[in-house]
Amino acid sequence: MTEEERDNNLENLFRNKLEEKEMVAESDLTGRFMRRLGWKEFFRFPPTRFNIYYVSAVIAGLTVAGLMLLIPPRGKDTVPDDLAPKNGQTVTGANTEIMTERQNENEIPKVTVTEAASGTVRAEPAPGGVTERQNGIKTPTGAGENDIKVSKQGKDEVSVTQATMPGAVISASVTSGCVPLRVSFRNPDAATGTAEWSFGDGGSSGENNPDYIYDLPGTYKVSLTLTDQRGRKTMATEVIEAWAGPSASFEIRQNDPWGESDKASFINLSTGAVQYLWDFGDGTFSTLSDPSYKYERAGSYNVTLVAYSENGCADSLTINDAFTDNGTFIRFPNAFMPNAGGPTGGYYNQRTDEDNQVFHPVTSGVTSYNLKIYNKVGMLVFESDDIAMGWDGYYKGQICTPGVYVWKVRGTFRNGQPVVMAGDVTLLNY
């Protein structure tokens, strides 16, 4: 029997009762009737009637609405600006994606941290510039990114640590001086990356802390490029000034200073100098350019001239036993730069050796002469008995390695006095 048929039977029952006709009701008629009547009465709620059912419905509705307002939806969270991670800080949050905005161009770049369904954590830095370091040595320049370390601390917690990439910094032992100028370069952060040095005169190095010699005067821009293990680069620069030194030289025109009215006249032939200091060998000094001096008594005197440049660079020349004979002396330079184009044979004169490409002595009154030159391990690289032929810096047709070499000379002056001298010479970088 359908619901509609049962309802019709119910109406017929009331109708028959009213007409005093009796009908036998089904056993569950009363229960169904009361339930149907109750629902109809509930939805036909009049304002004058109020029962516990309506009170319960109102309370339940208010509770659900309050929970929806108080509990935020789960999803992406944005870290507030004041909680954005700074250098060396850690930010922890109960979310699966964290976004930190850059506060300015010299701080930390944007970082996105995501957690995959497998539970792995991934962090990606946005491109940005490296924060400039102000450490009192030299500020680096260049571009790079920040190192980002991410670790998972709990079910939903992610830790993000950002550390700025170490920057290239140049520390020089000196930034100016006289040639040959030796400079020790250091980079405090070189151990964290690969260093590439350019010294400004064509020289370079891949050492972390190199030493370098500037043999020619000039202003040189030194650069250091530091590459970390991720291939990021930073650069620093420094300027080195190498000053030219003077060349001390002089002659003695009067070599019979023992008479009552005679004086020794010293002719200054120095170049590149602005100040001078003479030592006449008897405890007497002079700062004149071309002094004359009367010795009180005859004897053996070593005369020395020290010449100073405008920047304070110095060179000196000493003539030993200056008055034993008329202008007998022999002296050698302390450095020379060979011709990189090939050997010259070593023969020289004042006009052809203006570039100081041949190592040779300046002499007066020398009658016999033998010169030998050795490298630092004691191997003989040059020998000559001809005072007109010097060393051109080559050995068996090959140019020698720049560095310090030792020379030794034996001979005699025209007065019969023997000559035995030794010293060292620097073969400069060609």
Protein backbone atom coordinates (compact mmCIF):
# COMPACT_ATOMS: atom_id res chain seq x y z
CA MET A 1 0.00 0.00 0.00
CA THR A 2 1.42 3.39 -0.94
CA GLU A 3 1.68 6.40 1.29
CA GLU A 4 -1.10 8.16 -0.55
CA GLU A 5 -3.45 5.21 -0.11
CA ARG A 6 -2.74 5.09 3.61
CA ASP A 7 -3.51 8.80 3.89
CA ASN A 8 -6.79 8.29 2.06
CA ASN A 9 -7.71 5.49 4.46
CA LEU A 10 -6.97 7.86 7.35
CA GLU A 11 -9.32 10.48 5.93
CA ASN A 12 -11.99 7.86 5.32
CA LEU A 13 -11.69 6.72 8.95
CA PHE A 14 -12.43 10.20 10.27
CA ARG A 15 -15.23 10.60 7.78
CA ASN A 16 -16.82 7.27 8.79
CA LYS A 17 -16.47 8.14 12.47
CA LEU A 18 -18.27 11.32 11.89
CA GLU A 19 -20.95 9.47 9.98
CA GLU A 20 -21.08 6.93 12.79
CA LYS A 21 -19.62 4.29 10.61
CA GLU A 22 -17.00 2.18 12.22
CA MET A 23 -13.76 1.06 10.45
CA VAL A 24 -10.99 -1.06 11.84
CA ALA A 25 -7.68 0.87 11.82
CA GLU A 26 -4.35 -0.75 11.00
CA SER A 27 -2.02 -1.57 13.90
CA ASP A 28 0.63 1.15 13.08
CA LEU A 29 -1.88 3.84 12.14
CA THR A 30 -1.67 5.73 15.41
CA GLY A 31 2.15 6.00 15.38
CA ARG A 32 2.31 7.15 11.79
CA PHE A 33 -0.44 9.62 12.35
CA MET A 34 1.29 11.20 15.37
CA ARG A 35 4.62 11.50 13.57
CA ARG A 36 3.03 13.11 10.53
CA LEU A 37 1.08 15.45 12.71
CA GLY A 38 4.20 16.41 14.70
CA TRP A 39 6.24 17.42 11.63
CA LYS A 40 3.38 19.48 10.26
CA GLU A 41 3.00 21.20 13.58
CA PHE A 42 6.79 21.87 13.74
CA PHE A 43 6.85 23.64 10.40
CA ARG A 44 3.64 25.51 11.15
CA PHE A 45 5.41 27.25 14.09
CA PRO A 46 3.33 30.20 15.38
CA PRO A 47 5.09 33.12 17.18
CA THR A 48 3.07 32.46 20.32
CA ARG A 49 4.46 28.93 20.67
CA PHE A 50 8.12 28.09 21.39
CA ASN A 51 9.49 24.71 22.49
CA ILE A 52 12.84 22.98 23.14
CA TYR A 53 13.28 21.88 19.52
CA TYR A 54 13.52 25.43 18.25
CA VAL A 55 15.96 26.35 21.02
CA SER A 56 18.25 23.45 20.05
CA ALA A 57 18.15 24.38 16.37
CA VAL A 58 19.15 28.00 17.08
CA ILE A 59 22.05 26.97 19.33
CA ALA A 60 23.38 24.49 16.75
CA GLY A 61 23.27 27.10 13.97
CA LEU A 62 25.13 29.71 16.03
CA THR A 63 27.81 27.17 16.99
CA VAL A 64 28.52 26.18 13.38
CA ALA A 65 28.71 29.83 12.26
CA GLY A 66 31.14 30.71 15.05
CA LEU A 67 33.48 27.84 14.21
CA MET A 68 33.54 28.87 10.54
CA LEU A 69 34.58 32.42 11.47
CA LEU A 70 37.27 31.49 14.03
CA ILE A 71 39.09 28.66 12.23
CA PRO A 72 41.11 29.91 9.15
CA PRO A 73 41.26 27.72 6.07
CA ARG A 74 44.45 25.66 5.68
CA GLY A 75 46.70 26.50 2.73
CA LYS A 76 49.42 29.06 1.87
CA ASP A 77 50.63 31.34 4.66
CA THR A 78 52.59 34.54 4.19
CA VAL A 79 55.29 35.29 6.68
CA PRO A 80 54.85 38.88 7.97
CA ASP A 81 57.52 41.39 7.02
CA ASP A 82 58.80 41.67 10.57
CA LEU A 83 59.25 37.89 10.73
CA ALA A 84 61.11 37.55 7.40
CA PRO A 85 64.43 35.74 7.94
CA LYS A 86 67.59 37.81 8.11
CA ASN A 87 71.19 36.59 7.75
CA GLY A 88 71.83 33.63 10.02
CA GLN A 89 68.22 33.53 11.38
CA THR A 90 65.79 30.62 11.27
CA VAL A 91 62.07 30.90 10.53
CA THR A 92 59.80 28.03 11.61
CA GLY A 93 56.15 27.72 10.61
CA ALA A 94 53.37 25.11 10.50
CA ASN A 95 52.76 25.46 6.81
CA THR A 96 53.73 23.75 3.62
CA GLU A 97 54.82 26.87 1.69
CA ILE A 98 56.69 29.87 3.09
CA MET A 99 57.31 33.09 1.18
CA THR A 100 59.67 35.79 2.50
CA GLU A 101 59.75 39.13 0.71
CA ARG A 102 62.99 41.07 0.28
CA GLN A 103 63.15 44.10 2.53
CA ASN A 104 65.60 45.93 0.25
CA GLU A 105 68.09 45.18 -2.50
CA ASN A 106 71.04 44.65 -0.11
CA GLU A 107 69.37 42.06 2.11
CA ILE A 108 67.99 38.55 1.57
CA PRO A 109 66.36 37.53 -1.73
CA LYS A 110 62.90 35.93 -1.93
CA VAL A 111 62.81 32.29 -0.87
CA THR A 112 60.10 29.75 -1.62
CA VAL A 113 59.98 26.55 0.43
CA THR A 114 57.60 23.77 -0.60
CA GLU A 115 56.91 20.33 0.82
CA ALA A 116 56.09 17.58 -1.64
CA ALA A 117 53.61 14.79 -0.96
CA SER A 118 56.55 12.45 -0.28
CA GLY A 119 57.63 14.59 2.65
CA THR A 120 60.76 16.01 0.99
CA VAL A 121 61.49 19.71 1.39
CA ARG A 122 62.73 21.96 -1.43
CA ALA A 123 63.95 25.57 -1.25
CA GLU A 124 64.55 27.84 -4.24
CA PRO A 125 66.21 31.29 -3.97
CA ALA A 126 65.19 34.01 -6.38
CA PRO A 127 68.08 35.68 -8.28
CA GLY A 128 69.51 38.71 -6.53
CA GLY A 129 72.66 40.61 -5.69
CA VAL A 130 75.14 39.68 -3.04
CA THR A 131 75.03 41.89 0.02
CA GLU A 132 78.08 44.15 0.01
CA ARG A 133 80.48 43.50 2.85
CA GLN A 134 81.90 46.40 4.81
CA ASN A 135 84.83 44.79 6.64
CA GLY A 136 87.41 47.55 6.58
CA ILE A 137 89.67 45.86 4.01
CA LYS A 138 88.06 46.15 0.61
CA THR A 139 84.41 46.08 -0.39
CA PRO A 140 83.64 43.42 -3.02
CA THR A 141 81.45 44.02 -5.99
CA GLY A 142 79.59 41.65 -8.30
CA ALA A 143 76.44 39.53 -8.39
CA GLY A 144 75.43 36.27 -6.76
CA GLU A 145 72.84 34.58 -4.57
CA ASN A 146 72.45 33.52 -0.96
CA ASP A 147 73.04 30.06 0.43
CA ILE A 148 69.79 28.53 1.73
CA LYS A 149 69.64 25.58 4.12
CA VAL A 150 66.31 23.86 4.71
CA SER A 151 65.53 21.14 7.24
CA LYS A 152 62.29 19.46 8.25
CA GLN A 153 61.79 19.64 12.04
CA GLY A 154 58.41 18.01 12.46
CA LYS A 155 55.29 16.83 10.72
CA ASP A 156 54.41 20.30 9.42
CA GLU A 157 57.39 22.42 10.56
CA VAL A 158 60.01 23.67 8.12
CA SER A 159 63.23 25.48 9.13
CA VAL A 160 64.79 27.95 6.64
CA THR A 161 68.30 29.32 7.26
CA GLN A 162 69.84 31.87 4.89
CA ALA A 163 73.56 32.74 4.88
CA THR A 164 75.17 35.29 2.57
CA MET A 165 77.76 33.92 0.14
CA PRO A 166 81.34 34.83 1.22
CA GLY A 167 82.55 37.70 -1.00
CA ALA A 168 85.92 38.32 -2.62
CA VAL A 169 88.10 40.64 -0.52
CA ILE A 170 91.64 41.81 -1.35
CA SER A 171 94.17 42.54 1.38
CA ALA A 172 97.51 43.86 0.07
CA SER A 173 100.67 44.13 2.18
CA VAL A 174 101.45 47.46 0.44
CA THR A 175 99.59 49.49 -2.17
CA SER A 176 102.53 51.64 -3.31
CA GLY A 177 106.31 51.55 -3.32
CA CYS A 178 109.48 51.62 -5.36
CA VAL A 179 110.32 49.10 -8.08
CA PRO A 180 111.04 46.30 -7.78
CA LEU A 181 107.90 46.30 -5.58
CA ARG A 182 106.94 43.07 -3.85
CA VAL A 183 103.29 42.75 -2.77
CA SER A 184 101.71 39.93 -0.77
CA PHE A 185 98.04 39.52 -1.64
CA ARG A 186 95.60 37.83 0.71
CA ASN A 187 91.89 36.99 0.50
CA PRO A 188 90.31 36.14 3.91
CA ASP A 189 87.52 34.09 2.24
CA ALA A 190 89.65 32.38 -0.41
CA ALA A 191 89.32 28.98 1.32
CA THR A 192 85.59 28.92 0.48
CA GLY A 193 86.06 29.14 -3.29
CA THR A 194 88.40 29.15 -6.28
CA ALA A 195 90.50 32.30 -6.70
CA GLU A 196 91.49 33.93 -10.01
CA TRP A 197 93.95 36.87 -9.72
CA SER A 198 94.83 39.42 -12.41
CA PHE A 199 97.71 41.72 -11.42
CA GLY A 200 97.18 44.45 -14.01
CA ASP A 201 100.47 44.06 -15.89
CA GLY A 202 99.57 40.87 -17.74
CA GLY A 203 100.42 38.56 -14.84
CA SER A 204 97.88 36.24 -13.23
CA SER A 205 97.65 33.52 -10.58
CA GLY A 206 95.29 30.81 -9.36
CA GLU A 207 96.77 30.70 -5.85
CA ASN A 208 94.65 31.73 -2.90
CA ASN A 209 97.30 34.04 -1.38
CA PRO A 210 99.94 34.92 -4.01
CA ASP A 211 103.05 37.10 -3.82
CA TYR A 212 103.90 39.28 -6.81
CA ILE A 213 106.74 41.60 -7.91
CA TYR A 214 106.18 44.73 -9.99
CA ASP A 215 109.45 45.42 -11.81
CA LEU A 216 108.31 48.37 -13.94
CA PRO A 217 106.87 51.65 -12.70
CA GLY A 218 103.17 52.28 -13.27
CA THR A 219 99.66 52.14 -11.82
CA TYR A 220 98.12 48.67 -11.87
CA LYS A 221 94.54 47.55 -11.22
CA VAL A 222 94.48 44.20 -9.44
CA SER A 223 91.30 42.11 -9.57
CA LEU A 224 90.24 38.97 -7.71
CA THR A 225 87.36 36.78 -8.91
CA LEU A 226 86.14 34.27 -6.32
CA THR A 227 83.96 31.37 -7.49
CA ASP A 228 82.18 29.21 -4.92
CA GLN A 229 81.24 25.54 -5.25
CA ARG A 230 77.88 26.46 -6.82
CA GLY A 231 79.53 28.49 -9.58
CA ARG A 232 78.54 31.89 -8.19
CA LYS A 233 81.13 34.67 -8.61
CA THR A 234 82.10 37.79 -6.69
CA MET A 235 84.87 40.25 -7.57
CA ALA A 236 87.09 42.71 -5.71
CA THR A 237 89.66 45.19 -7.02
CA GLU A 238 92.67 47.06 -5.67
CA VAL A 239 95.06 49.65 -7.17
CA ILE A 240 98.84 49.24 -6.83
CA GLU A 241 101.28 52.08 -7.63
CA ALA A 242 104.87 51.12 -8.47
CA TRP A 243 107.25 54.09 -8.41
CA ALA A 244 110.33 54.47 -10.57
CA GLY A 245 113.61 54.57 -8.68
CA PRO A 246 116.55 56.89 -9.38
CA SER A 247 119.93 55.85 -10.76
CA ALA A 248 122.94 57.03 -8.78
CA SER A 249 126.14 57.85 -10.71
CA PHE A 250 129.08 60.22 -10.32
CA GLU A 251 132.66 60.96 -11.40
CA ILE A 252 135.65 62.41 -9.56
CA ARG A 253 137.42 65.09 -11.62
CA GLN A 254 140.27 65.97 -9.21
CA ASN A 255 142.08 62.93 -7.90
CA ASP A 256 145.07 64.60 -6.22
CA PRO A 257 143.42 66.12 -3.16
CA TRP A 258 146.51 66.04 -0.96
CA GLY A 259 147.94 69.42 -1.96
CA GLU A 260 147.41 72.46 0.22
CA SER A 261 144.88 74.07 -2.14
CA ASP A 262 143.54 71.09 -4.08
CA LYS A 263 140.05 69.73 -3.57
CA ALA A 264 138.29 66.67 -4.95
CA SER A 265 135.45 67.65 -7.29
CA PHE A 266 132.48 65.25 -7.41
CA ILE A 267 130.36 65.44 -10.57
CA ASN A 268 126.84 64.12 -10.03
CA LEU A 269 125.53 62.11 -13.03
CA SER A 270 122.45 60.67 -11.30
CA THR A 271 119.04 60.55 -12.99
CA GLY A 272 115.52 60.56 -11.55
CA ALA A 273 116.67 62.03 -8.24
CA VAL A 274 115.78 65.21 -6.34
CA GLN A 275 117.89 64.81 -3.19
CA TYR A 276 121.40 63.53 -2.54
CA LEU A 277 123.59 62.39 0.31
CA TRP A 278 127.38 62.17 -0.09
CA ASP A 279 129.65 60.20 2.24
CA PHE A 280 133.29 61.14 1.65
CA GLY A 281 134.59 58.17 3.62
CA ASP A 282 136.18 60.12 6.47
CA GLY A 283 133.00 60.75 8.50
CA THR A 284 132.08 63.86 6.51
CA PHE A 285 128.76 64.17 4.63
CA SER A 286 127.18 66.60 2.16
CA THR A 287 123.69 67.09 0.67
CA LEU A 288 124.87 69.23 -2.26
CA SER A 289 124.36 67.99 -5.79
CA ASP A 290 127.97 68.52 -6.96
CA PRO A 291 130.19 69.11 -3.92
CA SER A 292 133.93 69.72 -3.66
CA TYR A 293 135.88 68.47 -0.68
CA LYS A 294 139.38 68.89 0.78
CA TYR A 295 140.73 65.89 2.69
CA GLU A 296 142.85 66.68 5.70
CA ARG A 297 145.30 63.82 5.20
CA ALA A 298 146.19 61.26 2.58
CA GLY A 299 144.63 57.85 2.84
CA SER A 300 142.22 55.30 1.41
CA TYR A 301 138.66 56.58 1.20
CA ASN A 302 135.48 54.94 -0.05
CA VAL A 303 133.13 57.58 -1.48
CA THR A 304 129.38 56.86 -1.57
CA LEU A 305 126.52 58.74 -3.20
CA VAL A 306 122.88 58.01 -2.26
CA ALA A 307 120.26 59.49 -4.63
CA TYR A 308 116.58 59.88 -3.61
CA SER A 309 113.58 60.24 -5.92
CA GLU A 310 110.51 62.41 -5.29
CA ASN A 311 108.66 59.39 -3.80
CA GLY A 312 111.56 58.49 -1.51
CA CYS A 313 113.03 55.70 -3.64
CA ALA A 314 116.81 55.40 -3.27
CA ASP A 315 119.82 54.14 -5.19
CA SER A 316 123.46 54.25 -4.21
CA LEU A 317 126.92 53.99 -5.74
CA THR A 318 130.22 53.48 -3.92
CA ILE A 319 133.72 53.89 -5.34
CA ASN A 320 136.17 52.04 -3.15
CA ASP A 321 139.63 53.53 -2.53
CA ALA A 322 138.67 56.41 -4.76
CA PHE A 323 142.06 58.19 -4.81
CA THR A 324 144.53 55.32 -5.20
CA ASP A 325 144.73 55.93 -8.97
CA ASN A 326 143.18 58.34 -11.39
CA GLY A 327 139.62 57.04 -11.91
CA THR A 328 140.18 53.29 -11.38
CA PHE A 329 136.91 51.60 -10.49
CA ILE A 330 134.47 48.89 -11.53
CA ARG A 331 130.78 48.75 -10.61
CA PHE A 332 127.78 46.63 -11.63
CA PRO A 333 124.00 47.29 -11.77
CA ASN A 334 121.67 45.27 -9.54
CA ALA A 335 118.99 44.48 -12.16
CA PHE A 336 118.37 44.32 -15.90
CA MET A 337 115.63 43.23 -18.32
CA PRO A 338 116.72 41.11 -21.31
CA ASN A 339 115.36 41.54 -24.82
CA ALA A 340 112.40 39.15 -25.14
CA GLY A 341 112.79 39.09 -28.93
CA GLY A 342 115.94 36.94 -28.85
CA PRO A 343 119.62 36.94 -27.79
CA THR A 344 121.73 39.97 -28.68
CA GLY A 345 125.19 38.48 -28.14
CA GLY A 346 125.89 40.73 -25.16
CA TYR A 347 127.91 43.41 -26.94
CA TYR A 348 126.90 46.88 -25.84
CA ASN A 349 127.72 50.55 -25.74
CA GLN A 350 126.14 53.50 -23.98
CA ARG A 351 123.83 54.22 -26.90
CA THR A 352 122.63 50.68 -27.63
CA ASP A 353 122.02 49.72 -23.98
CA GLU A 354 119.79 52.60 -22.92
CA ASP A 355 117.02 50.06 -22.19
CA ASN A 356 119.29 48.14 -19.79
CA GLN A 357 118.95 44.87 -21.73
CA VAL A 358 122.55 43.69 -21.10
CA PHE A 359 124.17 43.11 -17.71
CA HIS A 360 127.64 44.67 -17.79
CA PRO A 361 129.93 46.74 -15.54
CA VAL A 362 130.90 50.39 -15.70
CA THR A 363 134.68 50.52 -15.38
CA SER A 364 137.69 52.78 -15.44
CA GLY A 365 141.36 51.73 -15.44
CA VAL A 366 140.67 47.99 -15.76
CA THR A 367 143.37 46.07 -17.67
CA SER A 368 142.26 42.44 -17.19
CA TYR A 369 138.82 41.05 -16.55
CA ASN A 370 136.88 37.80 -16.10
CA LEU A 371 133.14 37.69 -15.31
CA LYS A 372 131.15 34.60 -14.33
CA ILE A 373 127.39 34.40 -13.61
CA TYR A 374 125.63 31.52 -11.80
CA ASN A 375 121.98 30.65 -11.23
CA LYS A 376 120.59 29.96 -7.77
CA VAL A 377 121.57 26.28 -7.87
CA GLY A 378 125.18 27.10 -8.77
CA MET A 379 125.13 26.34 -12.50
CA LEU A 380 127.35 28.59 -14.65
CA VAL A 381 125.13 30.41 -17.19
CA PHE A 382 127.59 33.02 -18.53
CA GLU A 383 131.33 33.74 -18.65
CA SER A 384 133.34 36.43 -20.47
CA ASP A 385 136.92 37.77 -20.55
CA ASP A 386 135.89 40.65 -22.82
CA ILE A 387 134.89 43.73 -20.83
CA ALA A 388 132.95 44.95 -23.89
CA MET A 389 130.63 41.95 -23.81
CA GLY A 390 128.03 41.52 -21.07
CA TRP A 391 125.29 38.97 -20.38
CA ASP A 392 122.14 39.31 -22.47
CA GLY A 393 120.05 37.03 -20.18
CA TYR A 394 120.17 33.96 -22.49
CA TYR A 395 121.68 30.51 -22.00
CA LYS A 396 122.21 28.26 -25.02
CA GLY A 397 119.78 30.36 -27.07
CA GLN A 398 116.98 30.24 -24.45
CA ILE A 399 116.00 33.15 -22.26
CA CYS A 400 116.63 32.46 -18.56
CA THR A 401 113.99 32.39 -15.86
CA PRO A 402 113.41 35.72 -14.08
CA GLY A 403 115.03 35.77 -10.65
CA VAL A 404 118.26 36.46 -8.77
CA TYR A 405 121.63 35.40 -10.19
CA VAL A 406 125.11 35.62 -8.61
CA TRP A 407 128.11 37.19 -10.37
CA LYS A 408 131.81 37.15 -9.61
CA VAL A 409 134.58 39.16 -11.30
CA ARG A 410 138.37 38.98 -11.15
CA GLY A 411 140.86 41.35 -12.75
CA THR A 412 143.46 44.05 -12.27
CA PHE A 413 143.60 47.82 -12.48
CA ARG A 414 146.27 49.62 -14.47
CA ASN A 415 148.17 50.40 -11.28
CA GLY A 416 148.51 46.65 -10.70
CA GLN A 417 145.92 46.50 -7.92
CA PRO A 418 143.94 43.23 -8.11
CA VAL A 419 140.16 43.22 -8.40
CA VAL A 420 138.00 40.51 -6.76
CA MET A 421 134.31 41.34 -6.46
CA ALA A 422 131.02 39.44 -6.12
CA GLY A 423 127.35 40.34 -5.93
CA ASP A 424 123.91 39.47 -7.26
CA VAL A 425 121.72 40.74 -10.08
CA THR A 426 117.97 40.38 -10.63
CA LEU A 427 116.83 39.30 -14.06
CA LEU A 428 113.48 41.10 -14.28
CA ASN A 429 110.26 39.73 -15.76
CA TYR A 430 110.43 40.34 -19.52
